[in-house]
Protein backbone atom coordinates (compact mmCIF):
# COMPACT_ATOMS: atom_id res chain seq x y z
CA MET A 1 118.11 199.53 40.36
CA ILE A 2 120.71 196.79 38.78
CA LYS A 3 120.03 194.14 41.58
CA GLN A 4 115.97 195.35 41.25
CA ARG A 5 116.17 194.45 37.52
CA LYS A 6 117.54 191.08 38.30
CA LYS A 7 115.67 190.04 40.75
CA GLU A 8 112.72 190.83 38.39
CA SER A 9 114.16 189.03 35.67
CA PHE A 10 114.78 185.97 37.58
CA LEU A 11 110.94 186.04 38.55
CA LYS A 12 109.99 186.20 35.01
CA TYR A 13 112.16 183.13 34.32
CA LEU A 14 110.10 181.63 37.43
CA PHE A 15 106.51 182.80 36.12
CA ILE A 16 107.35 181.14 32.79
CA GLN A 17 108.91 177.93 34.05
CA LEU A 18 106.14 177.48 36.70
CA ALA A 19 103.07 178.29 34.37
CA PRO A 20 101.69 174.79 34.08
CA MET A 21 101.52 174.85 37.94
CA LEU A 22 100.30 178.75 38.24
CA THR A 23 97.53 177.68 36.33
CA ASP A 24 96.82 174.74 37.88
CA LEU A 25 97.45 172.07 35.35
CA LYS A 26 99.99 170.56 37.65
CA PRO A 27 100.56 169.97 40.69
CA SER A 28 104.64 170.49 40.89
CA VAL A 29 107.77 171.58 38.90
CA LEU A 30 111.39 170.58 39.04
CA LEU A 31 114.20 172.95 37.98
CA ARG A 32 118.03 172.89 38.23
CA LEU A 33 119.55 175.94 39.16
CA HIS A 34 123.01 176.59 38.09
CA ARG A 35 125.49 178.14 41.00
CA SER A 36 127.97 181.08 39.66
CA GLU A 37 131.16 180.02 39.87
CA PHE A 38 130.29 177.08 37.20
CA PRO A 39 129.08 178.00 33.47
CA CYS A 40 125.12 178.37 33.82
CA SER A 41 122.24 179.82 31.99
CA SER A 42 122.05 183.23 33.45
CA THR A 43 119.08 185.86 33.99
CA SER A 44 120.53 188.45 33.22
CA ASN A 45 124.04 190.23 33.19
CA GLY A 46 125.51 187.19 34.28
CA HIS A 47 123.44 186.37 37.35
CA CYS A 48 123.13 182.75 38.10
CA LYS A 49 119.36 181.33 39.04
CA TYR A 50 121.07 180.04 42.09
CA GLU A 51 121.88 183.29 43.43
CA MET A 52 118.87 184.99 42.66
CA PHE A 53 117.04 181.90 44.43
CA CYS A 54 119.00 182.36 47.43
CA SER A 55 118.42 185.86 47.61
CA CYS A 56 114.60 185.77 47.00
CA ARG A 57 113.35 182.49 48.33
CA ARG A 58 111.14 184.04 51.43
CA ASP A 59 109.34 185.86 48.84
CA LEU A 60 108.63 183.28 46.20
CA ALA A 61 105.84 181.89 48.38
CA GLY A 62 104.04 184.96 48.57
CA ILE A 63 104.73 185.62 45.09
CA PHE A 64 103.56 182.55 43.28
CA ASN A 65 101.37 180.73 46.08
CA ALA A 66 103.75 177.61 46.01
CA GLU A 67 106.17 175.72 48.02
CA CYS A 68 109.72 174.67 46.88
CA PHE A 69 111.76 171.85 47.95
CA ILE A 70 115.35 171.38 47.52
CA MET A 71 115.59 167.64 46.10
CA LYS A 72 119.55 167.53 45.40
CA GLU A 73 122.77 169.84 45.72
CA SER A 74 125.94 169.65 44.09
CA GLU A 75 128.75 171.65 43.60
CA SER A 76 127.12 172.89 39.85
CA ASP A 77 123.71 172.87 41.11
CA ILE A 78 120.86 172.68 43.00
CA GLN A 79 117.36 170.95 41.86
CA VAL A 80 114.45 172.37 43.39
CA LEU A 81 110.90 171.07 43.17
CA PHE A 82 108.56 174.10 43.14
CA TYR A 83 104.55 173.24 44.35
CA LYS A 84 101.31 173.58 45.50
CA LYS A 85 100.36 172.17 48.35
CA SER A 86 96.99 171.38 47.79
CA LEU A 87 96.95 170.54 44.20
CA LEU A 88 100.18 167.80 44.94
CA TYR A 89 98.20 166.67 48.56
CA SER A 90 95.05 166.03 46.51
CA THR A 91 97.03 164.32 43.60
CA LEU A 92 98.79 161.98 45.77
CA GLU A 93 95.50 161.46 47.69
CA ASN A 94 93.94 159.60 44.54
CA GLN A 95 93.79 155.72 45.55
CA ASP A 96 94.83 154.71 42.23
CA VAL A 97 98.16 156.68 43.31
CA LYS A 98 98.16 155.68 46.57
CA ASP A 99 98.32 152.09 45.51
CA CYS A 100 101.11 152.57 43.07
CA LEU A 101 103.09 154.32 45.86
CA LYS A 102 102.50 151.77 48.21
CA ARG A 103 103.92 149.15 45.78
CA CYS A 104 107.07 151.50 45.54
CA GLY A 105 107.46 151.45 49.10
CA TYR A 106 105.87 154.25 50.20
CA ASP A 107 104.10 154.35 53.81
CA ASP A 108 100.64 154.42 52.93
CA GLY A 109 99.91 157.08 55.85
CA ALA A 110 102.70 159.67 55.39
CA SER A 111 102.08 163.15 55.04
CA LEU A 112 103.19 165.55 52.16
CA THR A 113 106.11 166.44 54.10
CA GLU A 114 107.09 162.97 54.70
CA MET A 115 106.27 161.67 50.89
CA LEU A 116 108.65 164.60 49.67
CA ILE A 117 111.77 163.65 51.74
CA GLU A 118 110.91 160.02 50.73
CA LEU A 119 111.26 161.30 47.16
CA ARG A 120 114.28 163.48 47.81
CA THR A 121 115.87 160.24 49.84
CA ARG A 122 115.23 158.37 46.53
CA PHE A 123 116.72 161.17 44.45
CA ASN A 124 119.56 161.17 45.94
CA SER A 125 120.30 157.46 45.59
CA LYS A 126 122.03 155.64 42.91
CA ASP A 127 117.90 154.24 41.55
CA PHE A 128 116.26 156.93 39.84
CA PRO A 129 112.38 157.52 41.50
CA HIS A 130 110.63 157.26 38.53
CA GLU A 131 107.50 157.37 40.27
CA ILE A 132 108.54 161.41 40.35
CA GLY A 133 106.27 161.81 37.44
CA ILE A 134 103.30 161.27 39.53
CA PHE A 135 104.60 164.33 41.76
CA LEU A 136 105.74 166.14 38.64
CA GLY A 137 101.69 165.36 37.29
CA TYR A 138 102.06 163.06 34.63
CA PRO A 139 99.55 159.73 33.56
CA LEU A 140 99.96 157.77 36.10
CA LYS A 141 99.33 154.79 33.17
CA ASP A 142 102.40 156.56 31.79
CA VAL A 143 104.64 156.32 35.08
CA GLU A 144 103.27 153.11 35.59
CA GLY A 145 104.11 151.95 32.04
CA PHE A 146 107.53 153.34 32.12
CA MET A 147 108.55 151.68 35.38
CA ASN A 148 106.68 148.40 34.80
CA GLY A 149 108.41 148.26 30.94
CA SER A 150 105.14 148.01 29.61
CA ASP A 151 104.91 146.95 25.57
CA GLU A 152 102.09 149.93 25.00
CA TYR A 153 104.99 152.44 24.28
CA ILE A 154 104.56 154.92 21.53
CA PRO A 155 107.60 155.63 20.44
CA GLU A 156 106.65 158.28 17.18
CA ILE A 157 105.41 160.32 20.42
CA LYS A 158 108.01 162.48 21.69
CA GLY A 159 107.25 164.67 24.50
CA LEU A 160 108.07 165.23 27.98
CA TRP A 161 107.74 161.81 28.78
CA ARG A 162 107.15 158.44 27.46
CA ILE A 163 103.31 157.45 26.72
CA PHE A 164 101.85 154.15 27.03
CA GLY A 165 98.90 152.90 26.29
CA ASN A 166 95.65 155.57 24.91
CA PRO A 167 98.05 158.55 24.08
CA ASP A 168 94.79 161.23 24.49
CA GLU A 169 95.13 162.22 27.91
CA SER A 170 98.51 162.49 27.98
CA ILE A 171 98.51 164.63 24.55
CA MET A 172 96.49 166.78 26.13
CA LYS A 173 98.68 167.06 29.20
CA MET A 174 101.87 167.97 26.99
CA ARG A 175 99.83 170.40 25.10
CA LEU A 176 98.54 172.31 27.81
CA PHE A 177 101.41 172.15 29.72
CA SER A 178 103.57 174.23 27.16
CA SER A 179 100.84 176.34 26.02
CA ALA A 180 100.86 177.68 29.62
CA LYS A 181 104.55 178.33 29.01
CA SER A 182 103.88 179.95 25.73
CA CYS A 183 100.78 182.19 27.90
CA ALA A 184 103.71 183.26 30.47
CA LYS A 185 106.12 184.15 27.94
CA ALA A 186 103.39 186.24 25.95
CA LEU A 187 102.51 187.85 29.19
CA THR A 188 106.38 189.02 30.74
CA ASP A 189 106.38 190.36 26.85
CA GLU A 190 103.38 192.40 27.54
CA TYR A 191 103.61 193.70 31.35
CA SER A 192 106.38 194.56 33.15
CA SER A 193 104.61 193.69 36.18
CA ILE A 194 104.90 190.49 37.54
CA HIS A 195 101.86 190.56 39.00
CA ARG A 196 99.97 191.65 36.67
CA CYS A 197 101.49 188.90 34.37
CA PHE A 198 99.96 186.12 37.47
CA GLU A 199 96.71 187.67 37.37
CA VAL A 200 96.20 187.42 33.95
CA LEU A 201 97.37 183.94 33.64
CA ARG A 202 95.03 182.99 36.71
CA SER A 203 92.32 184.26 34.81
CA MET A 204 92.53 182.46 31.64
CA SER A 205 90.95 179.13 31.03
CA SER A 206 91.94 175.67 29.40
CA ASP A 207 90.67 177.23 26.15
CA GLU A 208 92.17 180.26 26.14
CA ILE A 209 95.32 178.94 27.24
CA LEU A 210 95.44 175.97 24.28
CA LYS A 211 94.80 178.39 22.06
CA VAL A 212 98.61 180.13 22.43
CA SER A 213 100.82 178.17 20.55
């Protein structure tokens, strides 16, 4: 019974964190999951997210209709990229995105898996791969603006990433990502079943999501 409650708590945590992806607003979400032998943010009763991830990893694809790809492991934690294969594939197939990634050194004919492996290799190197913003669904203009040191940076606007040029698209995306998580949190407070939460969240339109602050 205790083990089941811990699993349910962890699944609710994932549901909230992955909400922008579950609503098809972004192709992937990167999460850091701490190991138990280090101080960490736990799900419940001191049970760490890393342990719960390992114990129910095989079930996650069926529950959330998403894949997971371990990006980095350390003594204290692992970083996992959760992604929707179809959404990420379509994101990377955009011609402007393909051109950008090609300039970054990615193979133009690489498969999705090969792209993720290349990203992971760079993620574990000394030079952080800022193009990961593309994989995470950030506006291409902002990713390129950051990588190229554009003078169109708007420091007055704070958020998940730095905004360059016209801020409208970027602000809207940030609002949607944040609102999706707020919606997910409200649903976990209302329903005990994670499947019911998922069902209701998936039925919501972008306008309905935005109404939740």
